[in-house]
PDB file of N, CA and C in Angstrom:
ATOM      1  N   MET A   1     112.678  97.662 109.352  1.00  0.00           N
ATOM      2  CA  MET A   1     113.561  97.122 108.699  1.00  0.00           C
ATOM      3  C   MET A   1     115.051  97.558 109.019  1.00  0.00           C
ATOM      4  N   VAL A   2     115.863  96.572 109.096  1.00  0.00           N
ATOM      5  CA  VAL A   2     117.288  96.612 109.468  1.00  0.00           C
ATOM      6  C   VAL A   2     117.993  96.585 108.244  1.00  0.00           C
ATOM      7  N   THR A   3     118.715  97.511 107.996  1.00  0.00           N
ATOM      8  CA  THR A   3     119.759  97.433 106.718  1.00  0.00           C
ATOM      9  C   THR A   3     121.099  96.991 107.243  1.00  0.00           C
ATOM     10  N   THR A   4     121.575  95.939 106.621  1.00  0.00           N
ATOM     11  CA  THR A   4     122.891  95.258 106.857  1.00  0.00           C
ATOM     12  C   THR A   4     123.942  95.586 105.904  1.00  0.00           C
ATOM     13  N   PRO A   5     125.094  95.514 106.065  1.00  0.00           N
ATOM     14  CA  PRO A   5     126.017  95.552 104.933  1.00  0.00           C
ATOM     15  C   PRO A   5     125.786  94.613 103.741  1.00  0.00           C
ATOM     16  N   LEU A   6     125.310  93.477 104.191  1.00  0.00           N
ATOM     17  CA  LEU A   6     125.056  92.395 103.135  1.00  0.00           C
ATOM     18  C   LEU A   6     123.783  92.745 102.416  1.00  0.00           C
ATOM     19  N   THR A   7     122.870  93.371 102.978  1.00  0.00           N
ATOM     20  CA  THR A   7     121.701  93.883 102.141  1.00  0.00           C
ATOM     21  C   THR A   7     122.282  94.866 101.166  1.00  0.00           C
ATOM     22  N   LEU A   8     123.005  95.790 101.614  1.00  0.00           N
ATOM     23  CA  LEU A   8     123.460  96.847 100.672  1.00  0.00           C
ATOM     24  C   LEU A   8     124.399  96.242  99.468  1.00  0.00           C
ATOM     25  N   GLU A   9     125.087  95.097  99.959  1.00  0.00           N
ATOM     26  CA  GLU A   9     125.914  94.487  98.840  1.00  0.00           C
ATOM     27  C   GLU A   9     124.927  93.757  97.868  1.00  0.00           C
ATOM     28  N   LEU A  10     123.850  93.162  98.311  1.00  0.00           N
ATOM     29  CA  LEU A  10     122.991  92.488  97.449  1.00  0.00           C
ATOM     30  C   LEU A  10     122.292  93.704  96.368  1.00  0.00           C
ATOM     31  N   LEU A  11     121.951  94.749  97.067  1.00  0.00           N
ATOM     32  CA  LEU A  11     121.331  95.730  96.221  1.00  0.00           C
ATOM     33  C   LEU A  11     122.269  96.351  95.123  1.00  0.00           C
ATOM     34  N   GLN A  12     123.484  96.502  95.585  1.00  0.00           N
ATOM     35  CA  GLN A  12     124.551  97.085  94.654  1.00  0.00           C
ATOM     36  C   GLN A  12     124.871  96.081  93.546  1.00  0.00           C
ATOM     37  N   TRP A  13     124.828  94.725  93.869  1.00  0.00           N
ATOM     38  CA  TRP A  13     125.019  93.710  93.038  1.00  0.00           C
ATOM     39  C   TRP A  13     123.956  93.518  91.939  1.00  0.00           C
ATOM     40  N   VAL A  14     122.700  93.660  92.407  1.00  0.00           N
ATOM     41  CA  VAL A  14     121.547  93.526  91.478  1.00  0.00           C
ATOM     42  C   VAL A  14     121.674  94.787  90.706  1.00  0.00           C
ATOM     43  N   SER A  15     121.895  96.017  91.100  1.00  0.00           N
ATOM     44  CA  SER A  15     121.869  97.313  90.280  1.00  0.00           C
ATOM     45  C   SER A  15     122.978  97.376  89.394  1.00  0.00           C
ATOM     46  N   SER A  16     123.945  96.649  89.449  1.00  0.00           N
ATOM     47  CA  SER A  16     125.218  96.815  88.797  1.00  0.00           C
ATOM     48  C   SER A  16     125.041  96.600  87.325  1.00  0.00           C
ATOM     49  N   ARG A  17     124.199  95.369  86.873  1.00  0.00           N
ATOM     50  CA  ARG A  17     123.956  94.993  85.640  1.00  0.00           C
ATOM     51  C   ARG A  17     122.651  94.289  85.652  1.00  0.00           C
ATOM     52  N   PRO A  18     122.006  94.060  84.516  1.00  0.00           N
ATOM     53  CA  PRO A  18     120.803  93.085  84.561  1.00  0.00           C
ATOM     54  C   PRO A  18     121.331  91.674  85.048  1.00  0.00           C
ATOM     55  N   ARG A  19     120.196  91.264  85.998  1.00  0.00           N
ATOM     56  CA  ARG A  19     120.624  90.004  86.504  1.00  0.00           C
ATOM     57  C   ARG A  19     119.401  89.018  86.315  1.00  0.00           C
ATOM     58  N   THR A  20     119.468  87.893  86.022  1.00  0.00           N
ATOM     59  CA  THR A  20     118.393  86.832  85.893  1.00  0.00           C
ATOM     60  C   THR A  20     118.146  86.207  87.254  1.00  0.00           C
ATOM     61  N   TYR A  21     116.986  85.848  87.429  1.00  0.00           N
ATOM     62  CA  TYR A  21     116.526  85.024  88.700  1.00  0.00           C
ATOM     63  C   TYR A  21     117.576  83.842  88.891  1.00  0.00           C
ATOM     64  N   PRO A  22     117.895  83.097  87.976  1.00  0.00           N
ATOM     65  CA  PRO A  22     118.592  81.864  88.227  1.00  0.00           C
ATOM     66  C   PRO A  22     119.992  82.288  88.635  1.00  0.00           C
ATOM     67  N   GLU A  23     120.603  83.428  88.036  1.00  0.00           N
ATOM     68  CA  GLU A  23     121.849  83.947  88.406  1.00  0.00           C
ATOM     69  C   GLU A  23     121.708  84.338  89.977  1.00  0.00           C
ATOM     70  N   ALA A  24     120.840  85.108  90.157  1.00  0.00           N
ATOM     71  CA  ALA A  24     120.670  85.640  91.529  1.00  0.00           C
ATOM     72  C   ALA A  24     120.696  84.541  92.684  1.00  0.00           C
ATOM     73  N   MET A  25     119.859  83.498  92.198  1.00  0.00           N
ATOM     74  CA  MET A  25     119.655  82.339  93.145  1.00  0.00           C
ATOM     75  C   MET A  25     120.985  81.747  93.386  1.00  0.00           C
ATOM     76  N   GLU A  26     121.614  81.497  92.270  1.00  0.00           N
ATOM     77  CA  GLU A  26     123.075  80.764  92.548  1.00  0.00           C
ATOM     78  C   GLU A  26     123.867  81.599  93.178  1.00  0.00           C
ATOM     79  N   ALA A  27     123.965  82.832  93.374  1.00  0.00           N
ATOM     80  CA  ALA A  27     124.903  83.670  94.044  1.00  0.00           C
ATOM     81  C   ALA A  27     124.477  84.045  95.382  1.00  0.00           C
ATOM     82  N   TRP A  28     123.056  84.076  95.732  1.00  0.00           N
ATOM     83  CA  TRP A  28     122.433  84.652  97.009  1.00  0.00           C
ATOM     84  C   TRP A  28     121.525  83.813  97.806  1.00  0.00           C
ATOM     85  N   ARG A  29     121.170  82.615  97.165  1.00  0.00           N
ATOM     86  CA  ARG A  29     120.246  81.676  98.037  1.00  0.00           C
ATOM     87  C   ARG A  29     121.175  81.180  99.151  1.00  0.00           C
ATOM     88  N   SER A  30     120.307  80.927 100.255  1.00  0.00           N
ATOM     89  CA  SER A  30     120.989  80.288 101.432  1.00  0.00           C
ATOM     90  C   SER A  30     119.900  79.640 102.159  1.00  0.00           C
ATOM     91  N   ASN A  31     120.342  78.458 102.884  1.00  0.00           N
ATOM     92  CA  ASN A  31     119.323  77.819 103.642  1.00  0.00           C
ATOM     93  C   ASN A  31     119.761  78.015 105.099  1.00  0.00           C
ATOM     94  N   CYS A  32     120.601  78.848 105.339  1.00  0.00           N
ATOM     95  CA  CYS A  32     121.010  79.303 106.687  1.00  0.00           C
ATOM     96  C   CYS A  32     120.128  80.467 107.250  1.00  0.00           C
ATOM     97  N   PRO A  33     119.262  80.112 108.252  1.00  0.00           N
ATOM     98  CA  PRO A  33     118.396  81.064 108.679  1.00  0.00           C
ATOM     99  C   PRO A  33     119.186  82.534 109.168  1.00  0.00           C
ATOM    100  N   ARG A  34     120.378  82.413 109.414  1.00  0.00           N
ATOM    101  CA  ARG A  34     121.158  83.505 109.810  1.00  0.00           C
ATOM    102  C   ARG A  34     121.561  84.448 108.647  1.00  0.00           C
ATOM    103  N   GLN A  35     121.433  83.728 107.582  1.00  0.00           N
ATOM    104  CA  GLN A  35     121.948  84.746 106.353  1.00  0.00           C
ATOM    105  C   GLN A  35     120.724  84.871 105.288  1.00  0.00           C
ATOM    106  N   SER A  36     119.660  85.393 105.754  1.00  0.00           N
ATOM    107  CA  SER A  36     118.472  85.541 104.934  1.00  0.00           C
ATOM    108  C   SER A  36     118.382  86.798 104.170  1.00  0.00           C
ATOM    109  N   VAL A  37     119.534  87.281 103.522  1.00  0.00           N
ATOM    110  CA  VAL A  37     119.607  88.518 102.990  1.00  0.00           C
ATOM    111  C   VAL A  37     118.558  88.620 101.801  1.00  0.00           C
ATOM    112  N   TRP A  38     118.386  87.480 100.943  1.00  0.00           N
ATOM    113  CA  TRP A  38     117.604  87.580  99.852  1.00  0.00           C
ATOM    114  C   TRP A  38     116.162  87.440 100.291  1.00  0.00           C
ATOM    115  N   ASP A  39     115.763  86.704 101.098  1.00  0.00           N
ATOM    116  CA  ASP A  39     114.388  86.814 101.667  1.00  0.00           C
ATOM    117  C   ASP A  39     113.958  88.140 102.264  1.00  0.00           C
ATOM    118  N   ASP A  40     114.901  88.623 103.118  1.00  0.00           N
ATOM    119  CA  ASP A  40     114.567  89.966 103.759  1.00  0.00           C
ATOM    120  C   ASP A  40     114.466  90.947 102.794  1.00  0.00           C
ATOM    121  N   ALA A  41     115.241  91.051 101.838  1.00  0.00           N
ATOM    122  CA  ALA A  41     115.233  92.147 100.776  1.00  0.00           C
ATOM    123  C   ALA A  41     113.920  91.923  99.990  1.00  0.00           C
ATOM    124  N   THR A  42     113.506  90.887  99.704  1.00  0.00           N
ATOM    125  CA  THR A  42     112.156  90.549  98.884  1.00  0.00           C
ATOM    126  C   THR A  42     110.988  91.140  99.806  1.00  0.00           C
ATOM    127  N   VAL A  43     111.010  90.504 101.121  1.00  0.00           N
ATOM    128  CA  VAL A  43     109.925  90.834 102.010  1.00  0.00           C
ATOM    129  C   VAL A  43     109.908  92.337 102.300  1.00  0.00           C
ATOM    130  N   ASP A  44     111.069  93.155 102.559  1.00  0.00           N
ATOM    131  CA  ASP A  44     111.158  94.411 102.622  1.00  0.00           C
ATOM    132  C   ASP A  44     110.893  95.391 101.384  1.00  0.00           C
ATOM    133  N   GLY A  45     110.629  94.737 100.356  1.00  0.00           N
ATOM    134  CA  GLY A  45     110.387  95.472  99.084  1.00  0.00           C
ATOM    135  C   GLY A  45     111.525  96.172  98.427  1.00  0.00           C
ATOM    136  N   LEU A  46     112.630  95.661  98.704  1.00  0.00           N
ATOM    137  CA  LEU A  46     113.883  96.218  98.142  1.00  0.00           C
ATOM    138  C   LEU A  46     114.219  95.665  96.797  1.00  0.00           C
ATOM    139  N   ILE A  47     113.808  94.579  96.506  1.00  0.00           N
ATOM    140  CA  ILE A  47     114.037  93.815  95.299  1.00  0.00           C
ATOM    141  C   ILE A  47     112.775  93.247  94.553  1.00  0.00           C
ATOM    142  N   ARG A  48     112.612  93.004  93.372  1.00  0.00           N
ATOM    143  CA  ARG A  48     111.531  92.231  92.903  1.00  0.00           C
ATOM    144  C   ARG A  48     111.853  91.288  91.782  1.00  0.00           C
ATOM    145  N   VAL A  49     111.204  90.375  91.469  1.00  0.00           N
ATOM    146  CA  VAL A  49     111.421  89.430  90.419  1.00  0.00           C
ATOM    147  C   VAL A  49     110.406  89.655  89.305  1.00  0.00           C
ATOM    148  N   ILE A  50     110.782  90.045  88.120  1.00  0.00           N
ATOM    149  CA  ILE A  50     109.742  90.304  87.023  1.00  0.00           C
ATOM    150  C   ILE A  50     109.834  89.155  86.067  1.00  0.00           C
ATOM    151  N   SER A  51     108.719  88.580  85.824  1.00  0.00           N
ATOM    152  CA  SER A  51     108.455  87.520  84.856  1.00  0.00           C
ATOM    153  C   SER A  51     108.768  88.096  83.377  1.00  0.00           C
ATOM    154  N   SER A  52     109.246  87.131  82.512  1.00  0.00           N
ATOM    155  CA  SER A  52     109.531  87.498  81.202  1.00  0.00           C
ATOM    156  C   SER A  52     108.267  87.056  80.301  1.00  0.00           C
ATOM    157  N   ARG A  53     107.908  87.916  79.425  1.00  0.00           N
ATOM    158  CA  ARG A  53     106.863  87.548  78.423  1.00  0.00           C
ATOM    159  C   ARG A  53     107.294  86.681  77.301  1.00  0.00           C
ATOM    160  N   ASP A  54     108.557  86.726  76.964  1.00  0.00           N
ATOM    161  CA  ASP A  54     109.210  85.867  75.922  1.00  0.00           C
ATOM    162  C   ASP A  54     109.721  84.513  76.380  1.00  0.00           C
ATOM    163  N   ARG A  55     109.260  83.966  77.547  1.00  0.00           N
ATOM    164  CA  ARG A  55     109.787  82.832  78.149  1.00  0.00           C
ATOM    165  C   ARG A  55     111.352  82.780  78.371  1.00  0.00           C
ATOM    166  N   SER A  56     112.061  83.871  78.506  1.00  0.00           N
ATOM    167  CA  SER A  56     113.466  83.861  78.906  1.00  0.00           C
ATOM    168  C   SER A  56     113.358  83.849  80.480  1.00  0.00           C
ATOM    169  N   ALA A  57     114.469  83.799  81.148  1.00  0.00           N
ATOM    170  CA  ALA A  57     114.594  83.766  82.506  1.00  0.00           C
ATOM    171  C   ALA A  57     113.978  85.183  83.225  1.00  0.00           C
ATOM    172  N   PRO A  58     113.157  84.861  84.240  1.00  0.00           N
ATOM    173  CA  PRO A  58     112.720  86.208  84.917  1.00  0.00           C
ATOM    174  C   PRO A  58     114.022  87.149  85.354  1.00  0.00           C
ATOM    175  N   THR A  59     113.779  88.347  85.515  1.00  0.00           N
ATOM    176  CA  THR A  59     114.762  89.157  85.853  1.00  0.00           C
ATOM    177  C   THR A  59     114.667  89.607  87.440  1.00  0.00           C
ATOM    178  N   VAL A  60     115.663  90.283  87.914  1.00  0.00           N
ATOM    179  CA  VAL A  60     115.619  90.644  89.305  1.00  0.00           C
ATOM    180  C   VAL A  60     115.973  92.066  89.314  1.00  0.00           C
ATOM    181  N   VAL A  61     115.232  92.974  89.912  1.00  0.00           N
ATOM    182  CA  VAL A  61     115.436  94.439  89.807  1.00  0.00           C
ATOM    183  C   VAL A  61     115.303  94.939  91.127  1.00  0.00           C
ATOM    184  N   VAL A  62     116.068  96.111  91.371  1.00  0.00           N
ATOM    185  CA  VAL A  62     116.013  96.904  92.542  1.00  0.00           C
ATOM    186  C   VAL A  62     114.837  97.752  92.611  1.00  0.00           C
ATOM    187  N   THR A  63     113.948  97.887  93.545  1.00  0.00           N
ATOM    188  CA  THR A  63     112.694  98.709  93.587  1.00  0.00           C
ATOM    189  C   THR A  63     113.166 100.146  93.911  1.00  0.00           C
ATOM    190  N   ALA A  64     112.218 100.918  93.828  1.00  0.00           N
ATOM    191  CA  ALA A  64     112.301 102.351  94.199  1.00  0.00           C
ATOM    192  C   ALA A  64     112.862 102.403  95.657  1.00  0.00           C
ATOM    193  N   ALA A  65     112.198 101.574  96.556  1.00  0.00           N
ATOM    194  CA  ALA A  65     112.692 101.608  98.013  1.00  0.00           C
ATOM    195  C   ALA A  65     114.159 101.018  98.191  1.00  0.00           C
ATOM    196  N   GLY A  66     114.477 100.079  97.289  1.00  0.00           N
ATOM    197  CA  GLY A  66     115.954  99.764  97.262  1.00  0.00           C
ATOM    198  C   GLY A  66     116.868 100.709  96.846  1.00  0.00           C
ATOM    199  N   ARG A  67     116.555 101.371  95.683  1.00  0.00           N
ATOM    200  CA  ARG A  67     117.258 102.675  95.107  1.00  0.00           C
ATOM    201  C   ARG A  67     117.250 103.681  96.052  1.00  0.00           C
ATOM    202  N   ALA A  68     116.282 103.973  96.771  1.00  0.00           N
ATOM    203  CA  ALA A  68     116.449 105.036  97.831  1.00  0.00           C
ATOM    204  C   ALA A  68     117.469 104.704  99.001  1.00  0.00           C
ATOM    205  N   LEU A  69     117.340 103.437  99.360  1.00  0.00           N
ATOM    206  CA  LEU A  69     118.425 102.968 100.418  1.00  0.00           C
ATOM    207  C   LEU A  69     119.855 103.020  99.839  1.00  0.00           C
ATOM    208  N   LEU A  70     120.042 102.561  98.707  1.00  0.00           N
ATOM    209  CA  LEU A  70     121.351 102.713  98.057  1.00  0.00           C
ATOM    210  C   LEU A  70     121.735 104.254  97.890  1.00  0.00           C
ATOM    211  N   ASP A  71     120.865 105.143  97.680  1.00  0.00           N
ATOM    212  CA  ASP A  71     121.054 106.470  97.291  1.00  0.00           C
ATOM    213  C   ASP A  71     121.275 107.200  98.709  1.00  0.00           C
ATOM    214  N   GLY A  72     120.617 106.755  99.794  1.00  0.00           N
ATOM    215  CA  GLY A  72     120.543 107.446 101.004  1.00  0.00           C
ATOM    216  C   GLY A  72     122.030 107.331 101.737  1.00  0.00           C
TER     217      GLY A  72
END
């Protein structure tokens, strides 16, 4: 796993307050293969999308691995 400044920025953004999946997609989705920070963070297990039981929007959270990277 290669940690880039953009990955750390994503993790900080997600951890700064509760984020919904639609909000995160609006801010971080990219069709550019050179800017795959969202996909990389998901594949590397740094963030996770959690479905809601009450039909509200899913939320995005930093995983323990993502938190360790931020704290490291």
